[in-house]
Amino acid sequence: MTVRERFHAVMSFEQFDRLPVLEWAGWWDKTIERWHTEGLPVELTDRYDICRHFGLDVYKQDWISPRTHATPKPAAHGAGVVEDEAGYQSVLSTLYHPRPVDGARWRKWAQEQADGDVVLWFTMDGFFWFARELLGIERHLYAFYDQPELMHRINSDLADWMLQVIEQLCAICVPDFMTFGEDMSYNNGPMLSKELFDEFMLPYYQRVIPALRGHGIIPIVDSDGDIAVPAHWFAAAGLDGILPLERQAGVDISALRATHPRMKFIGHFDKMTMNKGEAAMRAEFERLLPVAAGGGFLISCDHQTPPGVSYRDYQTYIALFNEYAVKAGSKQLGGTIQS
C-alpha cells in the first residue's frame, strides 16, 4: 500500500497491510540538537527530511493561522492582545487574510499526494484556541460570562474565514484530514462546561464541519490533556477524531474505544517510556496493539519526543514501532478488522 492508501484504510476501519509508522508532530528543537551530537546527520534539520531518515511515513502539515505578520504580539505568554470589543475592532484589519493559502507549497504537495507518497493535513486555530490567543488566558475564561457578544463575534468571523480557507485549499487538492487546534483540556479535564461549549463553540463547528465533510476531509480536534469527557461533545459536534491522547493526563485508549467505537484517534504512545529501555517501550506497544489492530487508531508519540530521549533510544523506538505496525496488520483476518 502507498502511504496515503494505508492512512485511509486504517482510518476507514478497512484492511491494511501494516500500521503507518509516523510522527504526527515534529520534534522539540532541543531533541534534534541532542541527536545532532549523537549520530543524526547535522545537515538534517527539515522535519520531513528527518522523517525520511528514520523511515517514517511522511505526513505533511500546514498550520494556516487567522493572524498575520501585522497582528500585535502579546507582551508575555498567555497575555493576549485585546481586552474588549473595541480592542478586537482595532486589530481586525490585521486578521483573516483573504488569501492565506500558500498556493506554491500546496501545488507541490498535491503532486506528492497524487503519487501516494504523503498524507496531507492542515490545522486551523479552533473556537477555543483563537479567542484565548486574542484575549489572553485569564480574560478569555472570564469573557464567556462577561463579554459573550464578543466571543460570538470572534467565532463567527473565524468560521467565515475557515470556510474560505477550505475552498481555497480544495481548489488545489483535497487534504486528507485537518485538525482544529483547541487545547481546551488539562490533566483534570475540560476548562469549560458543556453548556459553554454548546453555546459558544458548537454552532461554529456546525457551520464548518459540513464543508469539510462535503470535500471528504476528515475533521479531527487537537486537544491536550484529559479529553474523556469532551470527547462526547466533539463527537456530537460532528468531529471524527481526536489527537494526541496524552497518557500523562490519564487518557486510556481502551476506554475511549469502548465508548466511541468508530472515532478516529492519533497519538497516545507514552513519551515518558521512550528513555526507559526496550522492555518499557515494548510493553507500551503491547498496551496499544489490540485497539490499533481494530482500525481507526494511528499510533504515534503522544506529543513531541522530549530531549531526554537519546538518538539510540529513538532508533530502538522506531525498530519496535515497525515490528508492531506489522503485527497490527497481521491481526486482521479475511479483511475483517479484529480487536
Protein backbone atom coordinates (compact mmCIF):
# COMPACT_ATOMS: atom_id res chain seq x y z
CA MET A 1 0.00 0.00 0.00
CA THR A 2 1.11 3.57 -0.52
CA VAL A 3 1.48 5.93 2.44
CA ARG A 4 -1.83 7.56 1.56
CA GLU A 5 -3.71 4.30 0.89
CA ARG A 6 -2.57 2.95 4.24
CA PHE A 7 -3.78 6.05 6.09
CA HIS A 8 -7.23 5.90 4.56
CA ALA A 9 -7.55 2.16 5.08
CA VAL A 10 -6.78 2.43 8.79
CA MET A 11 -8.97 5.48 9.30
CA SER A 12 -11.86 3.84 7.44
CA PHE A 13 -11.60 0.67 9.58
CA GLU A 14 -10.69 -1.29 6.46
CA GLN A 15 -7.99 -3.91 5.94
CA PHE A 16 -4.41 -2.59 5.96
CA ASP A 17 -1.01 -4.14 5.35
CA ARG A 18 0.60 -2.54 8.41
CA LEU A 19 0.05 0.46 10.60
CA PRO A 20 1.51 3.77 9.45
CA VAL A 21 4.81 4.47 11.22
CA LEU A 22 4.61 8.20 11.76
CA GLU A 23 5.19 11.26 13.88
CA TRP A 24 2.13 13.50 13.76
CA ALA A 25 4.19 16.39 15.19
CA GLY A 26 7.78 17.48 14.74
CA TRP A 27 10.39 17.02 17.44
CA TRP A 28 11.46 19.50 20.08
CA ASP A 29 14.34 21.64 18.83
CA LYS A 30 16.38 20.57 21.89
CA THR A 31 15.79 16.93 20.95
CA ILE A 32 17.17 17.48 17.45
CA GLU A 33 20.11 19.45 18.87
CA ARG A 34 20.95 16.49 21.09
CA TRP A 35 20.60 13.97 18.28
CA HIS A 36 22.96 16.01 16.09
CA THR A 37 25.65 15.21 18.66
CA GLU A 38 24.74 11.51 18.78
CA GLY A 39 24.52 10.41 15.16
CA LEU A 40 21.76 12.29 13.37
CA PRO A 41 23.45 13.96 10.36
CA VAL A 42 23.87 17.63 11.20
CA GLU A 43 22.59 18.73 7.80
CA LEU A 44 19.19 17.21 8.61
CA THR A 45 17.04 19.95 10.11
CA ASP A 46 13.88 19.80 8.00
CA ARG A 47 11.02 17.91 9.66
CA TYR A 48 10.22 15.79 6.61
CA ASP A 49 13.86 15.01 5.79
CA ILE A 50 14.22 13.71 9.34
CA CYS A 51 11.08 11.59 8.86
CA ARG A 52 12.64 10.02 5.78
CA HIS A 53 15.93 9.47 7.60
CA PHE A 54 14.11 7.32 10.16
CA GLY A 55 12.00 5.60 7.51
CA LEU A 56 8.75 7.16 8.75
CA ASP A 57 5.66 7.62 6.63
CA VAL A 58 5.53 11.31 5.72
CA TYR A 59 2.52 13.35 6.87
CA LYS A 60 2.83 16.98 5.75
CA GLN A 61 1.08 19.65 7.80
CA ASP A 62 0.33 23.32 7.17
CA TRP A 63 -0.91 25.45 10.08
CA ILE A 64 -2.98 28.20 8.49
CA SER A 65 -3.46 30.98 11.01
CA PRO A 66 -6.10 33.74 11.08
CA ARG A 67 -3.36 36.01 12.40
CA THR A 68 -0.92 37.77 10.08
CA HIS A 69 2.53 39.31 10.48
CA ALA A 70 0.80 42.61 11.28
CA THR A 71 -1.20 41.20 14.21
CA PRO A 72 0.19 42.53 17.51
CA LYS A 73 2.22 40.11 19.61
CA PRO A 74 1.36 39.60 23.30
CA ALA A 75 3.71 41.12 25.86
CA ALA A 76 4.10 37.72 27.54
CA HIS A 77 2.91 34.18 27.04
CA GLY A 78 -0.81 33.99 27.70
CA ALA A 79 -1.23 37.75 27.95
CA GLY A 80 -3.39 38.34 24.88
CA VAL A 81 -3.51 41.39 22.63
CA VAL A 82 -7.07 42.75 23.09
CA GLU A 83 -9.26 43.45 26.11
CA ASP A 84 -12.71 44.07 24.68
CA GLU A 85 -14.83 44.71 21.59
CA ALA A 86 -13.05 47.97 20.83
CA GLY A 87 -9.69 46.22 21.00
CA TYR A 88 -10.89 43.47 18.67
CA GLN A 89 -12.13 46.08 16.24
CA SER A 90 -8.74 47.82 16.36
CA VAL A 91 -6.82 44.68 15.28
CA LEU A 92 -9.45 43.35 12.87
CA SER A 93 -7.63 44.69 9.81
CA THR A 94 -4.63 42.51 10.73
CA LEU A 95 -6.69 39.29 10.94
CA TYR A 96 -8.29 36.89 8.47
CA HIS A 97 -6.08 37.34 5.43
CA PRO A 98 -8.31 36.81 2.37
CA ARG A 99 -5.71 34.60 0.62
CA PRO A 100 -3.95 32.72 3.42
CA VAL A 101 -3.12 29.54 1.49
CA ASP A 102 0.44 29.16 0.15
CA GLY A 103 -0.51 28.04 -3.34
CA ALA A 104 3.01 27.15 -4.46
CA ARG A 105 3.53 24.90 -1.43
CA TRP A 106 0.22 23.13 -1.88
CA ARG A 107 0.62 22.61 -5.62
CA LYS A 108 3.96 20.90 -4.94
CA TRP A 109 2.46 18.84 -2.14
CA ALA A 110 -0.53 17.94 -4.31
CA GLN A 111 1.71 16.07 -6.73
CA GLU A 112 3.28 14.09 -3.90
CA GLN A 113 -0.19 13.30 -2.60
CA ALA A 114 -1.36 12.19 -6.06
CA ASP A 115 1.61 9.82 -6.21
CA GLY A 116 0.56 8.36 -2.86
CA ASP A 117 3.85 9.35 -1.20
CA VAL A 118 2.44 11.60 1.52
CA VAL A 119 -0.63 12.30 3.60
CA LEU A 120 -1.59 15.98 3.66
CA TRP A 121 -3.27 17.78 6.51
CA PHE A 122 -3.82 21.29 7.73
CA THR A 123 -4.58 22.92 11.06
CA MET A 124 -6.60 25.99 11.93
CA ASP A 125 -6.98 27.77 15.27
CA GLY A 126 -10.19 26.45 16.81
CA PHE A 127 -13.08 28.15 18.55
CA PHE A 128 -11.50 27.91 21.99
CA TRP A 129 -7.87 28.44 20.96
CA PHE A 130 -8.20 31.58 18.85
CA ALA A 131 -10.24 33.68 21.29
CA ARG A 132 -7.77 32.72 24.02
CA GLU A 133 -4.87 33.88 21.83
CA LEU A 134 -6.56 37.24 21.32
CA LEU A 135 -7.81 37.85 24.85
CA GLY A 136 -5.20 36.04 26.91
CA ILE A 137 -5.77 33.03 29.13
CA GLU A 138 -7.45 34.64 32.15
CA ARG A 139 -9.50 37.27 30.29
CA HIS A 140 -10.68 34.63 27.83
CA LEU A 141 -12.18 32.45 30.56
CA TYR A 142 -13.99 35.43 32.07
CA ALA A 143 -15.21 36.53 28.63
CA PHE A 144 -17.59 33.57 28.35
CA TYR A 145 -19.56 35.33 31.10
CA ASP A 146 -18.53 38.99 30.86
CA GLN A 147 -18.30 39.50 27.09
CA PRO A 148 -20.49 36.86 25.40
CA GLU A 149 -21.26 39.07 22.40
CA LEU A 150 -17.54 39.47 21.70
CA MET A 151 -16.99 35.72 21.98
CA HIS A 152 -19.72 35.05 19.44
CA ARG A 153 -18.41 37.75 17.12
CA ILE A 154 -14.87 36.33 17.16
CA ASN A 155 -16.04 32.79 16.48
CA SER A 156 -18.48 33.84 13.79
CA ASP A 157 -15.74 35.78 11.98
CA LEU A 158 -13.39 32.84 12.42
CA ALA A 159 -15.93 30.38 10.97
CA ASP A 160 -16.48 32.60 7.92
CA TRP A 161 -12.72 32.73 7.34
CA MET A 162 -12.33 28.97 7.78
CA LEU A 163 -14.87 28.34 5.03
CA GLN A 164 -12.77 30.50 2.70
CA VAL A 165 -9.61 28.56 3.62
CA ILE A 166 -11.29 25.23 2.88
CA GLU A 167 -12.43 26.34 -0.56
CA GLN A 168 -9.01 27.79 -1.43
CA LEU A 169 -7.23 24.59 -0.43
CA CYS A 170 -9.67 22.32 -2.21
CA ALA A 171 -9.26 24.30 -5.41
CA ILE A 172 -5.69 22.91 -5.41
CA CYS A 173 -6.17 19.48 -3.82
CA VAL A 174 -8.23 17.87 -1.10
CA PRO A 175 -6.26 17.42 2.16
CA ASP A 176 -6.66 14.00 3.74
CA PHE A 177 -7.55 15.37 7.15
CA MET A 178 -7.44 18.53 9.24
CA THR A 179 -7.23 19.49 12.89
CA PHE A 180 -8.84 22.25 14.91
CA GLY A 181 -6.23 23.45 17.41
CA GLU A 182 -8.11 23.76 20.71
CA ASP A 183 -6.06 22.62 23.75
CA MET A 184 -9.11 23.07 25.98
CA SER A 185 -8.29 20.32 28.50
CA TYR A 186 -5.53 19.75 31.01
CA ASN A 187 -4.94 16.95 33.50
CA ASN A 188 -8.25 17.44 35.31
CA GLY A 189 -10.47 17.64 32.24
CA PRO A 190 -12.00 20.44 30.17
CA MET A 191 -11.56 24.10 31.03
CA LEU A 192 -15.19 24.93 30.30
CA SER A 193 -18.56 23.32 30.84
CA LYS A 194 -20.67 21.50 28.29
CA GLU A 195 -23.16 24.38 28.49
CA LEU A 196 -20.48 26.87 27.44
CA PHE A 197 -19.22 24.52 24.72
CA ASP A 198 -22.74 24.16 23.35
CA GLU A 199 -23.34 27.90 23.35
CA PHE A 200 -20.01 29.29 22.17
CA MET A 201 -18.35 26.53 20.14
CA LEU A 202 -20.89 24.01 18.85
CA PRO A 203 -22.73 26.40 16.47
CA TYR A 204 -19.48 27.29 14.72
CA TYR A 205 -18.31 23.68 14.37
CA GLN A 206 -21.69 23.01 12.83
CA ARG A 207 -21.07 25.71 10.24
CA VAL A 208 -17.62 24.48 9.25
CA ILE A 209 -17.72 20.69 9.54
CA PRO A 210 -20.29 20.17 6.75
CA ALA A 211 -17.93 21.96 4.35
CA LEU A 212 -15.08 19.67 5.37
CA ARG A 213 -17.22 16.57 5.02
CA GLY A 214 -18.52 17.78 1.68
CA HIS A 215 -14.97 17.67 0.34
CA GLY A 216 -14.12 14.36 2.02
CA ILE A 217 -11.75 15.87 4.61
CA ILE A 218 -11.63 14.10 7.98
CA PRO A 219 -12.16 16.66 10.81
CA ILE A 220 -10.14 15.99 13.97
CA VAL A 221 -9.71 18.02 17.14
CA ASP A 222 -6.26 18.62 18.65
CA SER A 223 -6.63 18.99 22.40
CA ASP A 224 -4.09 18.16 25.05
CA GLY A 225 -4.95 16.84 28.48
CA ASP A 226 -7.77 14.57 29.62
CA ILE A 227 -10.32 14.55 26.81
CA ALA A 228 -12.52 11.69 28.07
CA VAL A 229 -15.46 13.99 28.88
CA PRO A 230 -15.27 16.44 25.93
CA ALA A 231 -14.79 13.52 23.53
CA HIS A 232 -18.58 13.16 23.72
CA TRP A 233 -19.04 16.86 22.94
CA PHE A 234 -16.69 16.70 19.97
CA ALA A 235 -18.48 13.64 18.62
CA ALA A 236 -21.85 15.39 18.90
CA ALA A 237 -20.38 18.39 17.05
CA GLY A 238 -19.51 16.11 14.12
CA LEU A 239 -15.79 15.78 14.68
CA ASP A 240 -14.44 12.40 13.58
CA GLY A 241 -11.40 12.09 15.80
CA ILE A 242 -9.02 13.34 18.48
CA LEU A 243 -5.27 13.68 18.96
CA PRO A 244 -2.78 13.41 20.77
CA LEU A 245 -4.38 11.40 23.67
CA GLU A 246 -1.80 12.27 26.31
CA ARG A 247 -1.06 9.33 28.59
CA GLN A 248 0.25 11.56 31.38
CA ALA A 249 -3.22 13.11 31.63
CA GLY A 250 -4.73 9.68 32.26
CA VAL A 251 -6.17 9.10 28.80
CA ASP A 252 -6.92 5.41 28.15
CA ILE A 253 -7.39 4.32 24.54
CA SER A 254 -9.26 1.15 25.54
CA ALA A 255 -11.85 3.16 27.46
CA LEU A 256 -12.17 5.67 24.62
CA ARG A 257 -12.66 2.92 22.07
CA ALA A 258 -15.32 1.28 24.22
CA THR A 259 -17.37 4.49 24.35
CA HIS A 260 -16.51 5.71 20.83
CA PRO A 261 -16.29 2.59 18.63
CA ARG A 262 -15.96 4.46 15.31
CA MET A 263 -13.97 7.52 16.37
CA LYS A 264 -10.52 8.02 14.85
CA PHE A 265 -7.52 8.55 17.13
CA ILE A 266 -3.89 9.63 16.60
CA GLY A 267 -1.05 9.52 19.12
CA HIS A 268 -1.21 8.02 22.65
CA PHE A 269 2.22 6.32 22.82
CA ASP A 270 3.53 7.37 26.23
CA LYS A 271 6.59 9.52 25.51
CA MET A 272 7.75 9.01 29.10
CA THR A 273 8.64 5.38 28.29
CA MET A 274 10.96 6.31 25.43
CA ASN A 275 14.12 6.66 27.54
CA LYS A 276 13.41 3.70 29.81
CA GLY A 277 14.68 0.94 27.54
CA GLU A 278 13.31 -1.62 25.13
CA ALA A 279 11.22 -3.55 27.66
CA ALA A 280 9.27 -0.45 28.72
CA MET A 281 8.67 0.61 25.13
CA ARG A 282 7.64 -2.90 24.12
CA ALA A 283 5.14 -3.01 27.00
CA GLU A 284 3.67 0.29 25.77
CA PHE A 285 3.25 -1.06 22.22
CA GLU A 286 1.62 -4.19 23.67
CA ARG A 287 -0.86 -1.96 25.51
CA LEU A 288 -1.80 -0.18 22.28
CA LEU A 289 -1.77 -3.13 19.90
CA PRO A 290 -5.29 -4.53 20.47
CA VAL A 291 -7.01 -1.23 19.71
CA ALA A 292 -4.63 -0.39 16.85
CA ALA A 293 -5.31 -3.76 15.17
CA GLY A 294 -9.00 -2.89 15.25
CA GLY A 295 -8.53 0.10 12.97
CA GLY A 296 -9.21 3.80 13.34
CA PHE A 297 -6.14 4.40 15.50
CA LEU A 298 -2.74 5.66 14.34
CA ILE A 299 -0.12 5.06 17.00
CA SER A 300 2.31 7.95 17.40
CA CYS A 301 4.13 9.72 20.21
CA ASP A 302 1.51 11.36 22.45
CA HIS A 303 3.31 14.65 21.96
CA GLN A 304 6.72 15.78 20.76
CA THR A 305 9.61 13.46 21.67
CA PRO A 306 11.37 15.14 24.61
CA PRO A 307 15.13 15.86 24.71
CA GLY A 308 15.63 13.25 27.42
CA VAL A 309 15.32 10.63 24.66
CA SER A 310 18.66 9.79 23.05
CA TYR A 311 19.23 9.08 19.38
CA ARG A 312 19.80 5.41 20.25
CA ASP A 313 16.58 5.35 22.32
CA TYR A 314 14.69 6.72 19.36
CA GLN A 315 16.21 4.18 16.97
CA THR A 316 15.01 1.43 19.32
CA TYR A 317 11.56 3.03 19.38
CA ILE A 318 11.39 3.09 15.58
CA ALA A 319 12.53 -0.54 15.30
CA LEU A 320 9.82 -1.60 17.75
CA PHE A 321 7.25 0.60 16.01
CA ASN A 322 7.94 -1.16 12.71
CA GLU A 323 7.64 -4.55 14.40
CA TYR A 324 4.29 -3.73 15.98
CA ALA A 325 2.99 -1.99 12.85
CA VAL A 326 3.34 -5.31 11.05
CA LYS A 327 1.83 -7.20 14.00
CA ALA A 328 -1.25 -4.98 13.89
CA GLY A 329 -1.69 -5.74 10.21
CA SER A 330 -1.32 -9.47 10.78
CA LYS A 331 -4.03 -9.49 13.47
CA GLN A 332 -6.63 -8.84 10.79
CA LEU A 333 -8.40 -11.88 9.39
CA GLY A 334 -10.02 -12.19 5.98
CA GLY A 335 -10.47 -8.47 5.52
CA THR A 336 -12.35 -8.10 8.80
CA ILE A 337 -10.74 -5.96 11.46
CA GLN A 338 -10.15 -7.99 14.61
CA SER A 339 -9.69 -6.48 18.08
